[in-house]
Amino acid sequence: MAGNPVNYSKIAKLTTAEAIAGALYIMNFKDLADSILNKFKWGHTFFELNQDLLREYSNAETDDQMNEISREYGLAA
């Protein structure tokens, strides 16, 4: 979910910075993800809204686990 003020809490309406930070977080580059979003007043909001999902994705070890997490959160088609 977006943490930016324009698309707050909307699914799949991330800014480029949010998308990059989310990917970095999932790949365990958490400090780099933080440094990107710390440039924005609302950056912490993205992590607050998505902390559980990002943590689960970062702990997944297979594509099947990633897909299952997506289904659990209602993100899979």
PDB file of N, CA and C in Angstrom:
ATOM      1  N   MET A   1       0.831  -1.175   0.000  1.00  0.00           N
ATOM      2  CA  MET A   1       0.000   0.000   0.000  1.00  0.00           C
ATOM      3  C   MET A   1       0.877   1.241   0.000  1.00  0.00           C
ATOM      4  N   ALA A   2       0.414   2.224  -0.706  1.00  0.00           N
ATOM      5  CA  ALA A   2       1.159   3.469  -0.806  1.00  0.00           C
ATOM      6  C   ALA A   2       1.113   4.238   0.513  1.00  0.00           C
ATOM      7  N   GLY A   3       2.216   4.859   0.840  1.00  0.00           N
ATOM      8  CA  GLY A   3       2.285   5.712   2.018  1.00  0.00           C
ATOM      9  C   GLY A   3       2.367   7.179   1.643  1.00  0.00           C
ATOM     10  N   ASN A   4       2.469   7.449   0.346  1.00  0.00           N
ATOM     11  CA  ASN A   4       2.566   8.837  -0.105  1.00  0.00           C
ATOM     12  C   ASN A   4       1.205   9.526   0.011  1.00  0.00           C
ATOM     13  N   PRO A   5       1.192  10.831   0.202  1.00  0.00           N
ATOM     14  CA  PRO A   5      -0.059  11.531   0.448  1.00  0.00           C
ATOM     15  C   PRO A   5      -1.045  11.522  -0.725  1.00  0.00           C
ATOM     16  N   VAL A   6      -0.567  11.395  -1.944  1.00  0.00           N
ATOM     17  CA  VAL A   6      -1.464  11.402  -3.101  1.00  0.00           C
ATOM     18  C   VAL A   6      -2.260  10.098  -3.204  1.00  0.00           C
ATOM     19  N   ASN A   7      -1.615   8.980  -2.964  1.00  0.00           N
ATOM     20  CA  ASN A   7      -2.262   7.669  -3.115  1.00  0.00           C
ATOM     21  C   ASN A   7      -2.294   6.885  -1.818  1.00  0.00           C
ATOM     22  N   TYR A   8      -2.352   7.574  -0.698  1.00  0.00           N
ATOM     23  CA  TYR A   8      -2.277   6.941   0.621  1.00  0.00           C
ATOM     24  C   TYR A   8      -3.183   5.718   0.717  1.00  0.00           C
ATOM     25  N   SER A   9      -2.597   4.606   1.118  1.00  0.00           N
ATOM     26  CA  SER A   9      -3.286   3.349   1.412  1.00  0.00           C
ATOM     27  C   SER A   9      -3.879   2.654   0.190  1.00  0.00           C
ATOM     28  N   LYS A  10      -3.565   3.120  -0.997  1.00  0.00           N
ATOM     29  CA  LYS A  10      -4.043   2.453  -2.209  1.00  0.00           C
ATOM     30  C   LYS A  10      -3.064   1.349  -2.593  1.00  0.00           C
ATOM     31  N   ILE A  11      -3.613   0.229  -2.972  1.00  0.00           N
ATOM     32  CA  ILE A  11      -2.790  -0.897  -3.406  1.00  0.00           C
ATOM     33  C   ILE A  11      -2.302  -0.635  -4.828  1.00  0.00           C
ATOM     34  N   ALA A  12      -1.032  -0.900  -5.067  1.00  0.00           N
ATOM     35  CA  ALA A  12      -0.416  -0.807  -6.397  1.00  0.00           C
ATOM     36  C   ALA A  12      -0.376   0.611  -6.942  1.00  0.00           C
ATOM     37  N   LYS A  13      -0.353   1.610  -6.073  1.00  0.00           N
ATOM     38  CA  LYS A  13      -0.227   3.009  -6.501  1.00  0.00           C
ATOM     39  C   LYS A  13       1.003   3.628  -5.844  1.00  0.00           C
ATOM     40  N   LEU A  14       2.103   2.900  -5.892  1.00  0.00           N
ATOM     41  CA  LEU A  14       3.327   3.341  -5.231  1.00  0.00           C
ATOM     42  C   LEU A  14       4.070   4.378  -6.066  1.00  0.00           C
ATOM     43  N   THR A  15       4.802   5.230  -5.374  1.00  0.00           N
ATOM     44  CA  THR A  15       5.758   6.075  -6.078  1.00  0.00           C
ATOM     45  C   THR A  15       6.937   5.193  -6.478  1.00  0.00           C
ATOM     46  N   THR A  16       7.770   5.714  -7.348  1.00  0.00           N
ATOM     47  CA  THR A  16       8.971   4.974  -7.724  1.00  0.00           C
ATOM     48  C   THR A  16       9.840   4.705  -6.500  1.00  0.00           C
ATOM     49  N   ALA A  17       9.958   5.705  -5.631  1.00  0.00           N
ATOM     50  CA  ALA A  17      10.770   5.543  -4.414  1.00  0.00           C
ATOM     51  C   ALA A  17      10.216   4.434  -3.528  1.00  0.00           C
ATOM     52  N   GLU A  18       8.899   4.355  -3.388  1.00  0.00           N
ATOM     53  CA  GLU A  18       8.295   3.295  -2.570  1.00  0.00           C
ATOM     54  C   GLU A  18       8.543   1.928  -3.189  1.00  0.00           C
ATOM     55  N   ALA A  19       8.392   1.826  -4.490  1.00  0.00           N
ATOM     56  CA  ALA A  19       8.598   0.542  -5.170  1.00  0.00           C
ATOM     57  C   ALA A  19      10.044   0.070  -5.018  1.00  0.00           C
ATOM     58  N   ILE A  20      10.974   0.974  -5.213  1.00  0.00           N
ATOM     59  CA  ILE A  20      12.390   0.614  -5.085  1.00  0.00           C
ATOM     60  C   ILE A  20      12.708   0.250  -3.638  1.00  0.00           C
ATOM     61  N   ALA A  21      12.230   1.051  -2.692  1.00  0.00           N
ATOM     62  CA  ALA A  21      12.489   0.771  -1.278  1.00  0.00           C
ATOM     63  C   ALA A  21      11.871  -0.560  -0.870  1.00  0.00           C
ATOM     64  N   GLY A  22      10.679  -0.851  -1.347  1.00  0.00           N
ATOM     65  CA  GLY A  22      10.048  -2.131  -1.029  1.00  0.00           C
ATOM     66  C   GLY A  22      10.856  -3.304  -1.552  1.00  0.00           C
ATOM     67  N   ALA A  23      11.325  -3.194  -2.787  1.00  0.00           N
ATOM     68  CA  ALA A  23      12.147  -4.262  -3.370  1.00  0.00           C
ATOM     69  C   ALA A  23      13.451  -4.429  -2.595  1.00  0.00           C
ATOM     70  N   LEU A  24      14.074  -3.327  -2.251  1.00  0.00           N
ATOM     71  CA  LEU A  24      15.322  -3.402  -1.473  1.00  0.00           C
ATOM     72  C   LEU A  24      15.086  -4.039  -0.113  1.00  0.00           C
ATOM     73  N   TYR A  25      13.990  -3.673   0.535  1.00  0.00           N
ATOM     74  CA  TYR A  25      13.662  -4.240   1.842  1.00  0.00           C
ATOM     75  C   TYR A  25      13.494  -5.758   1.727  1.00  0.00           C
ATOM     76  N   ILE A  26      12.745  -6.192   0.729  1.00  0.00           N
ATOM     77  CA  ILE A  26      12.494  -7.626   0.532  1.00  0.00           C
ATOM     78  C   ILE A  26      13.804  -8.375   0.282  1.00  0.00           C
ATOM     79  N   MET A  27      14.756  -7.730  -0.381  1.00  0.00           N
ATOM     80  CA  MET A  27      16.051  -8.369  -0.676  1.00  0.00           C
ATOM     81  C   MET A  27      17.054  -8.181   0.459  1.00  0.00           C
ATOM     82  N   ASN A  28      16.550  -7.732   1.619  1.00  0.00           N
ATOM     83  CA  ASN A  28      17.345  -7.548   2.840  1.00  0.00           C
ATOM     84  C   ASN A  28      18.379  -6.432   2.764  1.00  0.00           C
ATOM     85  N   PHE A  29      18.088  -5.414   1.972  1.00  0.00           N
ATOM     86  CA  PHE A  29      18.874  -4.179   1.964  1.00  0.00           C
ATOM     87  C   PHE A  29      18.063  -3.115   2.712  1.00  0.00           C
ATOM     88  N   LYS A  30      17.732  -3.430   3.961  1.00  0.00           N
ATOM     89  CA  LYS A  30      16.814  -2.594   4.742  1.00  0.00           C
ATOM     90  C   LYS A  30      17.365  -1.197   4.998  1.00  0.00           C
ATOM     91  N   ASP A  31      18.636  -1.079   5.278  1.00  0.00           N
ATOM     92  CA  ASP A  31      19.227   0.240   5.525  1.00  0.00           C
ATOM     93  C   ASP A  31      19.150   1.122   4.280  1.00  0.00           C
ATOM     94  N   LEU A  32      19.400   0.540   3.131  1.00  0.00           N
ATOM     95  CA  LEU A  32      19.313   1.292   1.884  1.00  0.00           C
ATOM     96  C   LEU A  32      17.862   1.701   1.607  1.00  0.00           C
ATOM     97  N   ALA A  33      16.927   0.790   1.860  1.00  0.00           N
ATOM     98  CA  ALA A  33      15.502   1.109   1.696  1.00  0.00           C
ATOM     99  C   ALA A  33      15.111   2.273   2.594  1.00  0.00           C
ATOM    100  N   ASP A  34      15.558   2.240   3.839  1.00  0.00           N
ATOM    101  CA  ASP A  34      15.286   3.340   4.777  1.00  0.00           C
ATOM    102  C   ASP A  34      15.883   4.648   4.273  1.00  0.00           C
ATOM    103  N   SER A  35      17.100   4.586   3.779  1.00  0.00           N
ATOM    104  CA  SER A  35      17.763   5.823   3.341  1.00  0.00           C
ATOM    105  C   SER A  35      17.037   6.469   2.163  1.00  0.00           C
ATOM    106  N   ILE A  36      16.425   5.664   1.315  1.00  0.00           N
ATOM    107  CA  ILE A  36      15.669   6.217   0.188  1.00  0.00           C
ATOM    108  C   ILE A  36      14.410   6.924   0.688  1.00  0.00           C
ATOM    109  N   LEU A  37      13.655   6.257   1.543  1.00  0.00           N
ATOM    110  CA  LEU A  37      12.385   6.843   1.976  1.00  0.00           C
ATOM    111  C   LEU A  37      12.545   7.901   3.058  1.00  0.00           C
ATOM    112  N   ASN A  38      13.684   7.939   3.723  1.00  0.00           N
ATOM    113  CA  ASN A  38      13.915   8.982   4.725  1.00  0.00           C
ATOM    114  C   ASN A  38      13.998  10.371   4.096  1.00  0.00           C
ATOM    115  N   LYS A  39      14.116  10.433   2.798  1.00  0.00           N
ATOM    116  CA  LYS A  39      14.168  11.713   2.101  1.00  0.00           C
ATOM    117  C   LYS A  39      12.787  12.364   2.000  1.00  0.00           C
ATOM    118  N   PHE A  40      11.737  11.598   2.320  1.00  0.00           N
ATOM    119  CA  PHE A  40      10.367  12.085   2.206  1.00  0.00           C
ATOM    120  C   PHE A  40       9.717  12.132   3.589  1.00  0.00           C
ATOM    121  N   LYS A  41       8.919  13.175   3.843  1.00  0.00           N
ATOM    122  CA  LYS A  41       8.231  13.294   5.134  1.00  0.00           C
ATOM    123  C   LYS A  41       7.337  12.087   5.398  1.00  0.00           C
ATOM    124  N   TRP A  42       6.767  11.542   4.369  1.00  0.00           N
ATOM    125  CA  TRP A  42       5.826  10.437   4.495  1.00  0.00           C
ATOM    126  C   TRP A  42       6.499   9.066   4.353  1.00  0.00           C
ATOM    127  N   GLY A  43       7.794   9.031   4.169  1.00  0.00           N
ATOM    128  CA  GLY A  43       8.499   7.769   3.911  1.00  0.00           C
ATOM    129  C   GLY A  43       8.269   6.706   4.963  1.00  0.00           C
ATOM    130  N   HIS A  44       8.256   7.092   6.229  1.00  0.00           N
ATOM    131  CA  HIS A  44       8.045   6.121   7.313  1.00  0.00           C
ATOM    132  C   HIS A  44       6.662   5.488   7.215  1.00  0.00           C
ATOM    133  N   THR A  45       5.700   6.214   6.644  1.00  0.00           N
ATOM    134  CA  THR A  45       4.333   5.705   6.533  1.00  0.00           C
ATOM    135  C   THR A  45       4.271   4.462   5.650  1.00  0.00           C
ATOM    136  N   PHE A  46       5.058   4.452   4.578  1.00  0.00           N
ATOM    137  CA  PHE A  46       5.089   3.280   3.700  1.00  0.00           C
ATOM    138  C   PHE A  46       5.480   2.040   4.486  1.00  0.00           C
ATOM    139  N   PHE A  47       6.513   2.141   5.306  1.00  0.00           N
ATOM    140  CA  PHE A  47       6.954   0.992   6.093  1.00  0.00           C
ATOM    141  C   PHE A  47       5.940   0.627   7.171  1.00  0.00           C
ATOM    142  N   GLU A  48       5.287   1.599   7.766  1.00  0.00           N
ATOM    143  CA  GLU A  48       4.274   1.313   8.781  1.00  0.00           C
ATOM    144  C   GLU A  48       3.097   0.556   8.180  1.00  0.00           C
ATOM    145  N   LEU A  49       2.643   0.973   7.005  1.00  0.00           N
ATOM    146  CA  LEU A  49       1.505   0.316   6.356  1.00  0.00           C
ATOM    147  C   LEU A  49       1.835  -1.097   5.877  1.00  0.00           C
ATOM    148  N   ASN A  50       3.078  -1.336   5.537  1.00  0.00           N
ATOM    149  CA  ASN A  50       3.468  -2.588   4.878  1.00  0.00           C
ATOM    150  C   ASN A  50       4.427  -3.458   5.669  1.00  0.00           C
ATOM    151  N   GLN A  51       4.642  -3.157   6.947  1.00  0.00           N
ATOM    152  CA  GLN A  51       5.680  -3.852   7.701  1.00  0.00           C
ATOM    153  C   GLN A  51       5.490  -5.368   7.741  1.00  0.00           C
ATOM    154  N   ASP A  52       4.269  -5.840   7.963  1.00  0.00           N
ATOM    155  CA  ASP A  52       4.043  -7.288   8.034  1.00  0.00           C
ATOM    156  C   ASP A  52       4.273  -7.949   6.674  1.00  0.00           C
ATOM    157  N   LEU A  53       3.708  -7.358   5.641  1.00  0.00           N
ATOM    158  CA  LEU A  53       3.856  -7.913   4.298  1.00  0.00           C
ATOM    159  C   LEU A  53       5.321  -7.930   3.863  1.00  0.00           C
ATOM    160  N   LEU A  54       6.021  -6.821   4.065  1.00  0.00           N
ATOM    161  CA  LEU A  54       7.430  -6.768   3.680  1.00  0.00           C
ATOM    162  C   LEU A  54       8.263  -7.779   4.455  1.00  0.00           C
ATOM    163  N   ARG A  55       7.988  -7.937   5.738  1.00  0.00           N
ATOM    164  CA  ARG A  55       8.730  -8.902   6.556  1.00  0.00           C
ATOM    165  C   ARG A  55       8.486 -10.327   6.046  1.00  0.00           C
ATOM    166  N   GLU A  56       7.219 -10.646   5.753  1.00  0.00           N
ATOM    167  CA  GLU A  56       6.923 -11.995   5.248  1.00  0.00           C
ATOM    168  C   GLU A  56       7.590 -12.244   3.900  1.00  0.00           C
ATOM    169  N   TYR A  57       7.499 -11.272   2.999  1.00  0.00           N
ATOM    170  CA  TYR A  57       8.161 -11.422   1.699  1.00  0.00           C
ATOM    171  C   TYR A  57       9.674 -11.603   1.872  1.00  0.00           C
ATOM    172  N   SER A  58      10.284 -10.848   2.757  1.00  0.00           N
ATOM    173  CA  SER A  58      11.738 -10.947   2.920  1.00  0.00           C
ATOM    174  C   SER A  58      12.158 -12.279   3.517  1.00  0.00           C
ATOM    175  N   ASN A  59      11.241 -12.948   4.224  1.00  0.00           N
ATOM    176  CA  ASN A  59      11.550 -14.253   4.809  1.00  0.00           C
ATOM    177  C   ASN A  59      11.226 -15.418   3.881  1.00  0.00           C
ATOM    178  N   ALA A  60      10.493 -15.151   2.805  1.00  0.00           N
ATOM    179  CA  ALA A  60      10.129 -16.213   1.862  1.00  0.00           C
ATOM    180  C   ALA A  60      11.378 -16.726   1.151  1.00  0.00           C
ATOM    181  N   GLU A  61      11.391 -18.020   0.908  1.00  0.00           N
ATOM    182  CA  GLU A  61      12.555 -18.640   0.272  1.00  0.00           C
ATOM    183  C   GLU A  61      12.274 -19.168  -1.128  1.00  0.00           C
ATOM    184  N   THR A  62      11.001 -19.274  -1.493  1.00  0.00           N
ATOM    185  CA  THR A  62      10.661 -19.807  -2.812  1.00  0.00           C
ATOM    186  C   THR A  62       9.571 -18.953  -3.462  1.00  0.00           C
ATOM    187  N   ASP A  63       9.437 -19.124  -4.762  1.00  0.00           N
ATOM    188  CA  ASP A  63       8.361 -18.443  -5.490  1.00  0.00           C
ATOM    189  C   ASP A  63       7.003 -18.864  -4.962  1.00  0.00           C
ATOM    190  N   ASP A  64       6.866 -20.144  -4.636  1.00  0.00           N
ATOM    191  CA  ASP A  64       5.592 -20.639  -4.112  1.00  0.00           C
ATOM    192  C   ASP A  64       5.226 -19.937  -2.807  1.00  0.00           C
ATOM    193  N   GLN A  65       6.211 -19.705  -1.954  1.00  0.00           N
ATOM    194  CA  GLN A  65       5.948 -18.991  -0.710  1.00  0.00           C
ATOM    195  C   GLN A  65       5.538 -17.547  -0.991  1.00  0.00           C
ATOM    196  N   MET A  66       6.194 -16.910  -1.944  1.00  0.00           N
ATOM    197  CA  MET A  66       5.837 -15.546  -2.320  1.00  0.00           C
ATOM    198  C   MET A  66       4.403 -15.494  -2.847  1.00  0.00           C
ATOM    199  N   ASN A  67       4.050 -16.454  -3.682  1.00  0.00           N
ATOM    200  CA  ASN A  67       2.693 -16.504  -4.226  1.00  0.00           C
ATOM    201  C   ASN A  67       1.660 -16.739  -3.132  1.00  0.00           C
ATOM    202  N   GLU A  68       1.970 -17.592  -2.185  1.00  0.00           N
ATOM    203  CA  GLU A  68       1.055 -17.857  -1.077  1.00  0.00           C
ATOM    204  C   GLU A  68       0.846 -16.594  -0.238  1.00  0.00           C
ATOM    205  N   ILE A  69       1.899 -15.873   0.034  1.00  0.00           N
ATOM    206  CA  ILE A  69       1.794 -14.616   0.790  1.00  0.00           C
ATOM    207  C   ILE A  69       0.918 -13.635   0.026  1.00  0.00           C
ATOM    208  N   SER A  70       1.112 -13.545  -1.276  1.00  0.00           N
ATOM    209  CA  SER A  70       0.293 -12.652  -2.107  1.00  0.00           C
ATOM    210  C   SER A  70      -1.183 -13.027  -2.015  1.00  0.00           C
ATOM    211  N   ARG A  71      -1.463 -14.332  -2.054  1.00  0.00           N
ATOM    212  CA  ARG A  71      -2.857 -14.787  -1.952  1.00  0.00           C
ATOM    213  C   ARG A  71      -3.434 -14.455  -0.563  1.00  0.00           C
ATOM    214  N   GLU A  72      -2.649 -14.660   0.479  1.00  0.00           N
ATOM    215  CA  GLU A  72      -3.118 -14.379   1.834  1.00  0.00           C
ATOM    216  C   GLU A  72      -3.497 -12.905   2.006  1.00  0.00           C
ATOM    217  N   TYR A  73      -2.775 -12.034   1.362  1.00  0.00           N
ATOM    218  CA  TYR A  73      -3.027 -10.598   1.469  1.00  0.00           C
ATOM    219  C   TYR A  73      -3.996 -10.083   0.404  1.00  0.00           C
ATOM    220  N   GLY A  74      -4.501 -11.002  -0.415  1.00  0.00           N
ATOM    221  CA  GLY A  74      -5.445 -10.606  -1.464  1.00  0.00           C
ATOM    222  C   GLY A  74      -4.808  -9.839  -2.597  1.00  0.00           C
ATOM    223  N   LEU A  75      -3.523 -10.092  -2.844  1.00  0.00           N
ATOM    224  CA  LEU A  75      -2.794  -9.370  -3.873  1.00  0.00           C
ATOM    225  C   LEU A  75      -2.651 -10.182  -5.155  1.00  0.00           C
ATOM    226  N   ALA A  76      -2.981 -11.443  -5.114  1.00  0.00           N
ATOM    227  CA  ALA A  76      -2.838 -12.306  -6.302  1.00  0.00           C
ATOM    228  C   ALA A  76      -4.138 -12.313  -7.079  1.00  0.00           C
ATOM    229  N   ALA A  77      -3.989 -12.417  -8.378  1.00  0.00           N
ATOM    230  CA  ALA A  77      -5.171 -12.438  -9.261  1.00  0.00           C
ATOM    231  C   ALA A  77      -5.850 -13.783  -9.205  1.00  0.00           C
TER     232      ALA A  77
END
